[in-house]
Amino acid sequence: MSVLGGETLKIPILSEFFQPRDGPKNTLFNNPFNFFFGPTTSGKTVNEKTALQTTAVYACVRILAETIASLPLHTYEYTKAGKEKAINHHLYQLLHDEPNPEMTSFVFRETLMSHLLLWGNAYAQIIRDGNGKVICLYPLLPNKMVVDRTSSGEIYYNYSKENGEQAYLTKEEVIHIPGLGFDGLVGYSPIAMAKNAIGMAIATEEYGASFFSNGANPGGVLEHPGILKDPKRVRDSWNSVYQGSNNANKVAVLEEGMSFKPIGIPPEQAQFLQTRKFQINEIARIFRIPPHMIGDLEKSSFSNIEQQSLEFVKYTLDPWVIRWEQAMQKALLLPSEKNKYFIKFNVDGLLRGDYQSRMNGYAVGRQNGWLSANDIRELENLNRIPEEQGGDLYLINGNMTKLKDAGAFANVREEDVNEEVLELGKE
């Protein structure tokens, strides 16, 4: 039993809630935004299943889901020196390695990110012990979740099970990562909002498949010098032998003075390849993916591909990373822990340049005293040099001095310098 704003909600036992695990569905069930999906102006039905059958959508979803899943995810503790990994905190192992006995951290994050990209929302149930400590995280399917408020304004989550039962979860029992939305409560599906662009991509792909199934040749006209008594029989006989890509380049045999005249492709239909290419860029624009990452290298070169990759991290990945970090900190950390701990993805590896650029940067940091040998070795995933061997020393060039001390040695008498040298020699 759980009380939300004075209302009592019945929550099923957790062991029953996850047995058996619910299988994924391909339609929005009980979702207030299901009117976004459905037929498009191109006549094609777009939903999360049909959209994923489009290669550009699948590529974009896969790139973002796998990237988020592969980033190092750590729990940190604030210290006087800055921060350090909170390896002994119970969330560290849970988020970094194994959120539940059935999934690795990679699979868990990949699953939630794909939900977020297709439905606009990602949900996971939080299972705690009696002290409020998080012990497991399980993904929940967005197409079976409804977010609502009680009469007193408290948010709760209504999850529909396979058998039709309703499970009510409080906001303390759910991680909710919403995408772009207008009410601050739930996000809208990018697939649903851009269904016409995706529907056009599906339509052009089907047109191309139909075109090549006909042997990559347009239709034509069989001309007979006389009058045919059964034109349907002649047409069917011709199609059964010569139609289709498997029958391409066969030698035609014409009888009774018949001749075949092909019909040319209308110019607007001949442009469908350009249309398909434009739709790929259109879908990449929806997800803010650089075209070269989904195979379109027309506008890419050696000089700009690295810059596009850095922009992908800054302008595409960073907003998603911040959504994840803030949602996890809000839902997983206890109120008493929020001033002491924080959860963060490490994107530094994606921002690394080539080997020469990294070495030049390390040299500048080392020579100017803001990087030690161990700082550099950690960035390169190398073992630390023991402290007694100088691994943590911060050094600067000896020819550097303060501006106010410039020319100070010019005022020192040569005799005084010689006397100091002699004294040092005696010591």
Protein backbone atom coordinates (compact mmCIF):
# COMPACT_ATOMS: atom_id res chain seq x y z
CA MET A 1 0.00 0.00 0.00
CA SER A 2 1.18 3.54 -0.73
CA VAL A 3 -0.32 6.89 0.18
CA LEU A 4 -0.10 9.77 -2.27
CA GLY A 5 -1.54 13.08 -1.11
CA GLY A 6 -4.04 11.34 1.14
CA GLU A 7 -5.09 8.82 -1.53
CA THR A 8 -4.33 5.14 -0.96
CA LEU A 9 -2.94 3.23 -3.94
CA LYS A 10 -2.49 -0.53 -4.06
CA ILE A 11 0.95 -1.52 -5.35
CA PRO A 12 1.52 -5.19 -6.27
CA ILE A 13 4.28 -7.19 -4.60
CA LEU A 14 7.53 -6.63 -6.47
CA SER A 15 8.26 -10.33 -6.92
CA GLU A 16 4.91 -10.70 -8.67
CA PHE A 17 5.36 -7.48 -10.64
CA PHE A 18 8.34 -8.83 -12.57
CA GLN A 19 7.19 -12.44 -13.06
CA PRO A 20 6.89 -12.98 -15.90
CA ARG A 21 8.71 -10.05 -17.49
CA ASP A 22 6.46 -8.16 -19.86
CA GLY A 23 7.32 -8.43 -23.54
CA PRO A 24 7.69 -5.31 -25.71
CA LYS A 25 4.80 -4.06 -27.78
CA ASN A 26 4.78 -2.11 -31.02
CA THR A 27 1.90 0.26 -30.40
CA LEU A 28 1.23 3.01 -27.91
CA PHE A 29 -1.17 1.51 -25.40
CA ASN A 30 -3.08 3.80 -23.10
CA ASN A 31 -0.82 6.73 -24.01
CA PRO A 32 -2.30 10.24 -24.12
CA PHE A 33 -0.19 11.07 -27.19
CA ASN A 34 -1.15 8.10 -29.37
CA PHE A 35 -2.97 10.43 -31.79
CA PHE A 36 0.43 11.54 -33.09
CA PHE A 37 1.00 8.10 -34.60
CA GLY A 38 -0.95 6.69 -37.51
CA PRO A 39 -1.40 7.42 -41.23
CA THR A 40 0.68 10.14 -42.83
CA THR A 41 0.16 12.30 -45.89
CA SER A 42 2.23 9.77 -47.85
CA GLY A 43 -0.30 7.08 -46.89
CA LYS A 44 2.18 5.10 -44.78
CA THR A 45 1.55 4.22 -41.15
CA VAL A 46 4.40 5.31 -38.90
CA ASN A 47 5.02 3.89 -35.45
CA GLU A 48 8.10 2.84 -33.51
CA LYS A 49 8.25 -0.50 -35.35
CA THR A 50 7.82 0.75 -38.92
CA ALA A 51 10.14 3.70 -38.23
CA LEU A 52 12.94 1.37 -37.11
CA GLN A 53 12.62 -0.50 -40.41
CA THR A 54 13.91 2.66 -42.07
CA THR A 55 17.70 2.40 -42.15
CA ALA A 56 18.29 6.08 -41.31
CA VAL A 57 16.08 5.93 -38.19
CA TYR A 58 17.65 2.65 -37.08
CA ALA A 59 21.15 4.09 -37.57
CA CYS A 60 20.38 7.27 -35.61
CA VAL A 61 18.76 5.39 -32.71
CA ARG A 62 21.58 2.87 -32.61
CA ILE A 63 24.32 5.53 -32.62
CA LEU A 64 22.81 7.49 -29.73
CA ALA A 65 21.77 4.44 -27.68
CA GLU A 66 25.12 2.69 -28.01
CA THR A 67 27.08 5.88 -27.32
CA ILE A 68 25.19 6.62 -24.09
CA ALA A 69 25.52 2.96 -23.07
CA SER A 70 29.27 2.88 -23.68
CA LEU A 71 30.17 6.05 -21.76
CA PRO A 72 31.82 5.49 -18.35
CA LEU A 73 29.24 6.21 -15.65
CA HIS A 74 30.51 6.93 -12.15
CA THR A 75 29.20 8.07 -8.79
CA TYR A 76 31.39 10.80 -7.28
CA GLU A 77 31.81 12.30 -3.82
CA TYR A 78 32.62 15.94 -3.18
CA THR A 79 35.92 16.38 -1.34
CA LYS A 80 38.01 19.32 -0.13
CA ALA A 81 40.32 18.78 -3.11
CA GLY A 82 37.41 18.63 -5.58
CA LYS A 83 35.91 15.22 -6.23
CA GLU A 84 36.76 11.53 -6.18
CA LYS A 85 35.01 8.33 -7.24
CA ALA A 86 32.71 7.02 -4.51
CA ILE A 87 33.63 3.37 -5.12
CA ASN A 88 32.15 2.25 -1.79
CA HIS A 89 28.77 3.88 -2.43
CA HIS A 90 26.05 1.35 -3.25
CA LEU A 91 25.07 3.22 -6.45
CA TYR A 92 28.57 2.99 -7.92
CA GLN A 93 28.46 -0.73 -8.69
CA LEU A 94 24.77 -0.58 -9.58
CA LEU A 95 25.17 2.06 -12.30
CA HIS A 96 28.64 1.16 -13.49
CA ASP A 97 28.28 -2.62 -13.76
CA GLU A 98 24.96 -4.30 -13.00
CA PRO A 99 21.68 -2.47 -12.33
CA ASN A 100 19.82 -5.77 -11.89
CA PRO A 101 20.67 -9.50 -12.01
CA GLU A 102 19.38 -9.78 -15.59
CA MET A 103 21.25 -6.91 -17.28
CA THR A 104 24.62 -5.28 -17.61
CA SER A 105 24.88 -1.53 -17.31
CA PHE A 106 25.43 -1.28 -21.09
CA VAL A 107 22.23 -3.18 -21.95
CA PHE A 108 20.21 -1.29 -19.34
CA ARG A 109 21.26 2.13 -20.63
CA GLU A 110 20.97 1.10 -24.27
CA THR A 111 17.40 -0.09 -23.64
CA LEU A 112 16.32 3.08 -21.85
CA MET A 113 17.94 5.32 -24.45
CA SER A 114 16.17 3.54 -27.30
CA HIS A 115 12.88 4.03 -25.41
CA LEU A 116 13.70 7.72 -25.00
CA LEU A 117 14.43 8.18 -28.71
CA LEU A 118 11.38 6.29 -29.97
CA TRP A 119 8.73 7.21 -27.41
CA GLY A 120 10.17 10.41 -25.97
CA ASN A 121 10.24 8.95 -22.44
CA ALA A 122 12.27 6.36 -20.55
CA TYR A 123 11.20 4.71 -17.30
CA ALA A 124 12.85 2.35 -14.83
CA GLN A 125 11.49 1.00 -11.58
CA ILE A 126 13.58 1.59 -8.45
CA ILE A 127 13.60 -1.28 -5.95
CA ARG A 128 14.80 -0.25 -2.48
CA ASP A 129 15.40 -2.05 0.79
CA GLY A 130 13.84 -1.00 4.09
CA ASN A 131 16.40 1.77 4.59
CA GLY A 132 15.74 3.37 1.22
CA LYS A 133 18.93 1.98 -0.33
CA VAL A 134 18.57 1.23 -4.06
CA ILE A 135 19.21 -2.45 -4.75
CA CYS A 136 17.86 -2.92 -8.31
CA LEU A 137 16.74 -0.97 -11.37
CA TYR A 138 14.41 -2.48 -13.99
CA PRO A 139 13.36 -0.82 -17.28
CA LEU A 140 9.66 -0.26 -17.86
CA LEU A 141 8.05 -0.04 -21.29
CA PRO A 142 6.88 3.49 -22.16
CA ASN A 143 3.96 2.25 -24.28
CA LYS A 144 2.35 0.83 -21.13
CA MET A 145 2.99 3.76 -18.82
CA VAL A 146 0.69 6.68 -18.02
CA VAL A 147 1.91 9.61 -15.92
CA ASP A 148 -0.76 11.38 -13.91
CA ARG A 149 -1.38 13.45 -10.80
CA THR A 150 -3.53 12.84 -7.77
CA SER A 151 -6.17 15.38 -6.75
CA SER A 152 -3.57 16.93 -4.43
CA GLY A 153 -1.02 17.30 -7.24
CA GLU A 154 1.30 14.38 -6.44
CA ILE A 155 2.77 12.65 -9.51
CA TYR A 156 2.25 8.90 -9.83
CA TYR A 157 2.82 6.31 -12.54
CA ASN A 158 0.21 3.86 -13.78
CA TYR A 159 1.79 0.80 -15.45
CA SER A 160 -0.31 -1.73 -17.39
CA LYS A 161 0.77 -5.36 -17.07
CA GLU A 162 0.29 -8.06 -19.71
CA ASN A 163 -2.69 -9.53 -17.84
CA GLY A 164 -4.44 -6.17 -17.76
CA GLU A 165 -3.69 -5.40 -14.11
CA GLN A 166 -2.67 -1.86 -13.19
CA ALA A 167 0.39 -1.19 -11.05
CA TYR A 168 0.60 2.20 -9.34
CA LEU A 169 4.09 3.50 -8.57
CA THR A 170 5.04 6.63 -6.68
CA LYS A 171 7.57 9.12 -8.01
CA GLU A 172 10.12 7.72 -5.51
CA GLU A 173 9.84 4.33 -7.21
CA VAL A 174 10.50 5.42 -10.79
CA ILE A 175 13.35 6.98 -12.75
CA HIS A 176 11.67 9.05 -15.44
CA ILE A 177 13.81 10.60 -18.18
CA PRO A 178 11.54 12.76 -20.35
CA GLY A 179 12.45 14.12 -23.75
CA LEU A 180 11.29 17.41 -25.24
CA GLY A 181 7.76 18.18 -24.04
CA PHE A 182 5.45 21.09 -23.39
CA ASP A 183 4.11 20.39 -19.91
CA GLY A 184 7.25 19.40 -18.00
CA LEU A 185 5.67 16.05 -17.15
CA VAL A 186 6.18 13.83 -20.21
CA GLY A 187 8.14 14.13 -23.44
CA TYR A 188 6.88 13.83 -26.99
CA SER A 189 8.05 11.12 -29.33
CA PRO A 190 10.46 12.36 -32.05
CA ILE A 191 9.09 9.61 -34.31
CA ALA A 192 5.52 10.79 -33.86
CA MET A 193 6.33 14.47 -34.27
CA ALA A 194 8.22 13.80 -37.54
CA LYS A 195 5.95 11.06 -38.88
CA ASN A 196 5.44 12.72 -42.28
CA ALA A 197 9.19 12.90 -42.98
CA ILE A 198 9.62 9.27 -41.95
CA GLY A 199 6.50 8.24 -43.87
CA MET A 200 7.93 9.81 -47.03
CA ALA A 201 11.19 7.90 -46.51
CA ILE A 202 9.21 4.65 -46.21
CA ALA A 203 7.18 5.48 -49.34
CA THR A 204 10.26 6.21 -51.48
CA GLU A 205 11.95 3.06 -50.24
CA GLU A 206 8.92 0.97 -51.18
CA TYR A 207 8.78 2.67 -54.58
CA GLY A 208 12.43 1.78 -55.19
CA ALA A 209 11.86 -1.83 -54.14
CA SER A 210 8.86 -2.08 -56.47
CA PHE A 211 10.85 -0.51 -59.30
CA PHE A 212 13.67 -3.04 -59.02
CA SER A 213 11.31 -5.95 -58.50
CA ASN A 214 10.19 -5.19 -62.05
CA GLY A 215 13.72 -5.75 -63.35
CA ALA A 216 14.68 -2.05 -62.98
CA ASN A 217 12.76 -1.42 -66.21
CA PRO A 218 9.54 0.54 -66.61
CA GLY A 219 6.48 -0.92 -68.18
CA GLY A 220 5.86 -1.01 -71.88
CA VAL A 221 3.26 -1.67 -74.60
CA LEU A 222 2.84 -4.83 -76.72
CA GLU A 223 1.55 -3.80 -80.15
CA HIS A 224 -0.29 -6.25 -82.42
CA PRO A 225 -1.01 -5.46 -86.06
CA GLY A 226 -4.44 -7.00 -85.80
CA ILE A 227 -7.14 -7.33 -83.16
CA LEU A 228 -6.46 -9.46 -80.08
CA LYS A 229 -9.33 -11.59 -78.87
CA ASP A 230 -7.81 -12.15 -75.40
CA PRO A 231 -5.37 -9.31 -74.50
CA LYS A 232 -5.32 -10.35 -70.82
CA ARG A 233 -3.94 -13.79 -71.72
CA VAL A 234 -1.17 -12.24 -73.84
CA ARG A 235 -0.25 -9.77 -71.09
CA ASP A 236 -0.17 -12.43 -68.37
CA SER A 237 1.86 -14.73 -70.58
CA TRP A 238 4.42 -11.96 -71.22
CA ASN A 239 4.66 -11.00 -67.51
CA SER A 240 5.09 -14.59 -66.37
CA VAL A 241 8.17 -14.96 -68.56
CA TYR A 242 9.84 -11.53 -68.63
CA GLN A 243 8.67 -9.54 -65.58
CA GLY A 244 10.83 -9.25 -62.46
CA SER A 245 14.52 -8.88 -61.69
CA ASN A 246 15.06 -12.65 -61.96
CA ASN A 247 13.96 -12.54 -65.60
CA ALA A 248 16.07 -9.56 -66.61
CA ASN A 249 18.02 -9.79 -69.89
CA LYS A 250 16.02 -12.75 -71.18
CA VAL A 251 15.55 -12.90 -74.93
CA ALA A 252 11.97 -12.11 -75.92
CA VAL A 253 10.22 -14.04 -78.66
CA LEU A 254 7.37 -12.17 -80.38
CA GLU A 255 4.80 -13.80 -82.64
CA GLU A 256 2.20 -12.68 -85.15
CA GLY A 257 4.03 -9.42 -85.93
CA MET A 258 3.82 -8.10 -82.37
CA SER A 259 6.34 -5.48 -81.16
CA PHE A 260 7.31 -4.17 -77.71
CA LYS A 261 7.69 -0.45 -77.06
CA PRO A 262 9.01 0.55 -73.59
CA ILE A 263 7.59 3.56 -71.79
CA GLY A 264 10.18 6.03 -70.52
CA ILE A 265 10.45 7.03 -66.86
CA PRO A 266 8.78 10.37 -66.11
CA PRO A 267 11.38 12.93 -64.93
CA GLU A 268 9.70 13.37 -61.53
CA GLN A 269 9.91 9.62 -60.90
CA ALA A 270 13.53 9.44 -62.05
CA GLN A 271 14.43 11.77 -59.14
CA PHE A 272 13.40 9.32 -56.43
CA LEU A 273 17.03 8.51 -55.56
CA GLN A 274 17.66 12.17 -54.79
CA THR A 275 14.45 12.19 -52.78
CA ARG A 276 15.61 9.18 -50.75
CA LYS A 277 18.94 10.86 -50.08
CA PHE A 278 17.23 14.05 -48.92
CA GLN A 279 15.02 12.05 -46.55
CA ILE A 280 18.11 10.48 -44.99
CA ASN A 281 19.41 13.97 -44.20
CA GLU A 282 15.96 14.94 -42.97
CA ILE A 283 15.91 12.07 -40.48
CA ALA A 284 19.49 12.83 -39.41
CA ARG A 285 18.29 16.39 -38.74
CA ILE A 286 15.53 15.10 -36.46
CA PHE A 287 18.04 13.36 -34.21
CA ARG A 288 20.79 15.97 -34.79
CA ILE A 289 23.21 13.34 -36.10
CA PRO A 290 26.04 14.42 -38.46
CA PRO A 291 25.30 12.79 -41.84
CA HIS A 292 28.74 11.19 -42.04
CA MET A 293 27.89 9.08 -38.96
CA ILE A 294 25.07 7.34 -40.83
CA GLY A 295 27.02 6.81 -44.03
CA ASP A 296 26.52 10.04 -46.00
CA LEU A 297 30.07 11.26 -46.70
CA GLU A 298 29.23 13.67 -49.53
CA LYS A 299 29.92 16.83 -47.48
CA SER A 300 32.66 15.28 -45.30
CA SER A 301 36.41 15.47 -45.69
CA PHE A 302 39.54 14.82 -43.66
CA SER A 303 39.56 18.46 -42.61
CA ASN A 304 36.01 18.66 -41.21
CA ILE A 305 35.08 15.16 -40.00
CA GLU A 306 36.90 15.62 -36.68
CA GLN A 307 35.15 18.94 -36.14
CA GLN A 308 31.76 17.37 -36.92
CA SER A 309 32.49 14.60 -34.41
CA LEU A 310 33.30 17.16 -31.71
CA GLU A 311 30.08 19.03 -32.52
CA PHE A 312 28.20 15.74 -32.16
CA VAL A 313 29.47 15.46 -28.58
CA LYS A 314 28.82 19.11 -27.71
CA TYR A 315 25.47 19.74 -29.34
CA THR A 316 23.88 16.29 -29.71
CA LEU A 317 25.19 14.12 -26.90
CA ASP A 318 25.58 16.66 -24.09
CA PRO A 319 21.85 17.51 -23.78
CA TRP A 320 21.00 13.80 -23.52
CA VAL A 321 23.79 13.24 -20.99
CA ILE A 322 22.50 16.09 -18.82
CA ARG A 323 18.96 14.69 -18.95
CA TRP A 324 20.28 11.34 -17.75
CA GLU A 325 22.50 12.75 -14.99
CA GLN A 326 19.86 15.02 -13.51
CA ALA A 327 17.13 12.37 -13.66
CA MET A 328 19.34 9.80 -11.88
CA GLN A 329 20.48 12.24 -9.22
CA LYS A 330 16.91 13.34 -8.57
CA ALA A 331 15.53 9.81 -8.29
CA LEU A 332 18.36 7.71 -6.86
CA LEU A 333 20.13 9.89 -4.30
CA LEU A 334 18.51 10.34 -0.91
CA PRO A 335 17.88 13.96 0.19
CA SER A 336 20.72 13.65 2.70
CA GLU A 337 23.11 12.52 -0.07
CA LYS A 338 22.45 15.16 -2.70
CA ASN A 339 24.88 17.67 -1.19
CA LYS A 340 27.61 15.04 -0.90
CA TYR A 341 27.38 12.84 -4.01
CA PHE A 342 26.68 13.27 -7.70
CA ILE A 343 26.42 11.02 -10.79
CA LYS A 344 28.28 11.86 -13.97
CA PHE A 345 29.06 10.44 -17.41
CA ASN A 346 32.61 10.80 -18.66
CA VAL A 347 32.66 12.11 -22.24
CA ASP A 348 36.34 13.04 -22.24
CA GLY A 349 37.22 9.99 -24.31
CA LEU A 350 34.96 11.20 -27.15
CA LEU A 351 36.64 14.61 -27.14
CA ARG A 352 40.17 13.25 -27.47
CA GLY A 353 42.10 14.32 -30.55
CA ASP A 354 44.67 12.28 -32.45
CA TYR A 355 47.88 11.10 -30.78
CA GLN A 356 50.03 14.05 -31.86
CA SER A 357 47.44 16.61 -30.74
CA ARG A 358 47.13 14.93 -27.33
CA MET A 359 50.89 14.83 -26.81
CA ASN A 360 51.24 18.51 -27.73
CA GLY A 361 48.48 19.40 -25.29
CA TYR A 362 50.04 17.33 -22.50
CA ALA A 363 53.41 19.01 -23.13
CA VAL A 364 51.85 22.47 -22.70
CA GLY A 365 50.14 21.42 -19.46
CA ARG A 366 53.27 19.76 -18.11
CA GLN A 367 55.58 22.67 -18.89
CA ASN A 368 53.19 25.24 -17.42
CA GLY A 369 52.66 23.41 -14.16
CA TRP A 370 48.98 22.43 -14.32
CA LEU A 371 49.51 18.76 -15.23
CA SER A 372 51.70 16.24 -13.44
CA ALA A 373 53.09 13.03 -14.93
CA ASN A 374 50.37 11.04 -13.16
CA ASP A 375 47.63 13.38 -14.41
CA ILE A 376 48.75 12.67 -17.96
CA ARG A 377 49.12 8.93 -17.39
CA GLU A 378 45.60 8.69 -15.99
CA LEU A 379 44.21 10.45 -19.07
CA GLU A 380 46.01 7.85 -21.21
CA ASN A 381 44.86 4.93 -19.00
CA LEU A 382 48.41 4.17 -17.87
CA ASN A 383 49.54 3.09 -14.41
CA ARG A 384 50.59 5.84 -11.98
CA ILE A 385 54.22 6.58 -11.16
CA PRO A 386 54.85 6.16 -7.39
CA GLU A 387 54.78 9.41 -5.47
CA GLU A 388 58.32 8.92 -4.17
CA GLN A 389 59.52 8.83 -7.79
CA GLY A 390 58.02 12.23 -8.56
CA GLY A 391 54.84 11.17 -10.32
CA ASP A 392 52.77 13.90 -8.63
CA LEU A 393 55.22 16.79 -9.06
CA TYR A 394 54.04 19.94 -10.82
CA LEU A 395 56.90 21.60 -12.69
CA ILE A 396 57.46 24.85 -14.60
CA ASN A 397 60.26 26.08 -16.84
CA GLY A 398 63.17 27.61 -14.93
CA ASN A 399 63.38 30.64 -17.22
CA MET A 400 60.00 31.94 -16.05
CA THR A 401 59.72 34.55 -13.25
CA LYS A 402 57.21 37.00 -11.89
CA LEU A 403 56.76 40.25 -13.76
CA LYS A 404 57.55 42.32 -10.64
CA ASP A 405 60.87 40.49 -10.25
CA ALA A 406 62.02 41.12 -13.83
CA GLY A 407 65.54 42.63 -13.83
CA ALA A 408 66.05 41.91 -10.13
CA PHE A 409 69.33 40.07 -10.74
CA ALA A 410 70.71 43.05 -12.66
CA ASN A 411 70.86 45.03 -9.38
CA VAL A 412 72.83 42.40 -7.51
CA ARG A 413 76.57 43.09 -7.19
CA GLU A 414 78.89 40.54 -8.79
CA GLU A 415 80.89 40.30 -5.54
CA ASP A 416 77.77 39.27 -3.59
CA VAL A 417 76.98 36.55 -6.13
CA ASN A 418 80.51 35.18 -5.95
CA GLU A 419 80.43 35.15 -2.15
CA GLU A 420 77.16 33.17 -2.18
CA VAL A 421 78.65 30.69 -4.62
CA LEU A 422 81.67 30.20 -2.37
CA GLU A 423 79.50 29.70 0.68
CA LEU A 424 77.43 27.05 -1.14
CA GLY A 425 80.65 25.32 -2.19
CA LYS A 426 81.84 25.12 1.39
CA GLU A 427 78.56 23.58 2.51
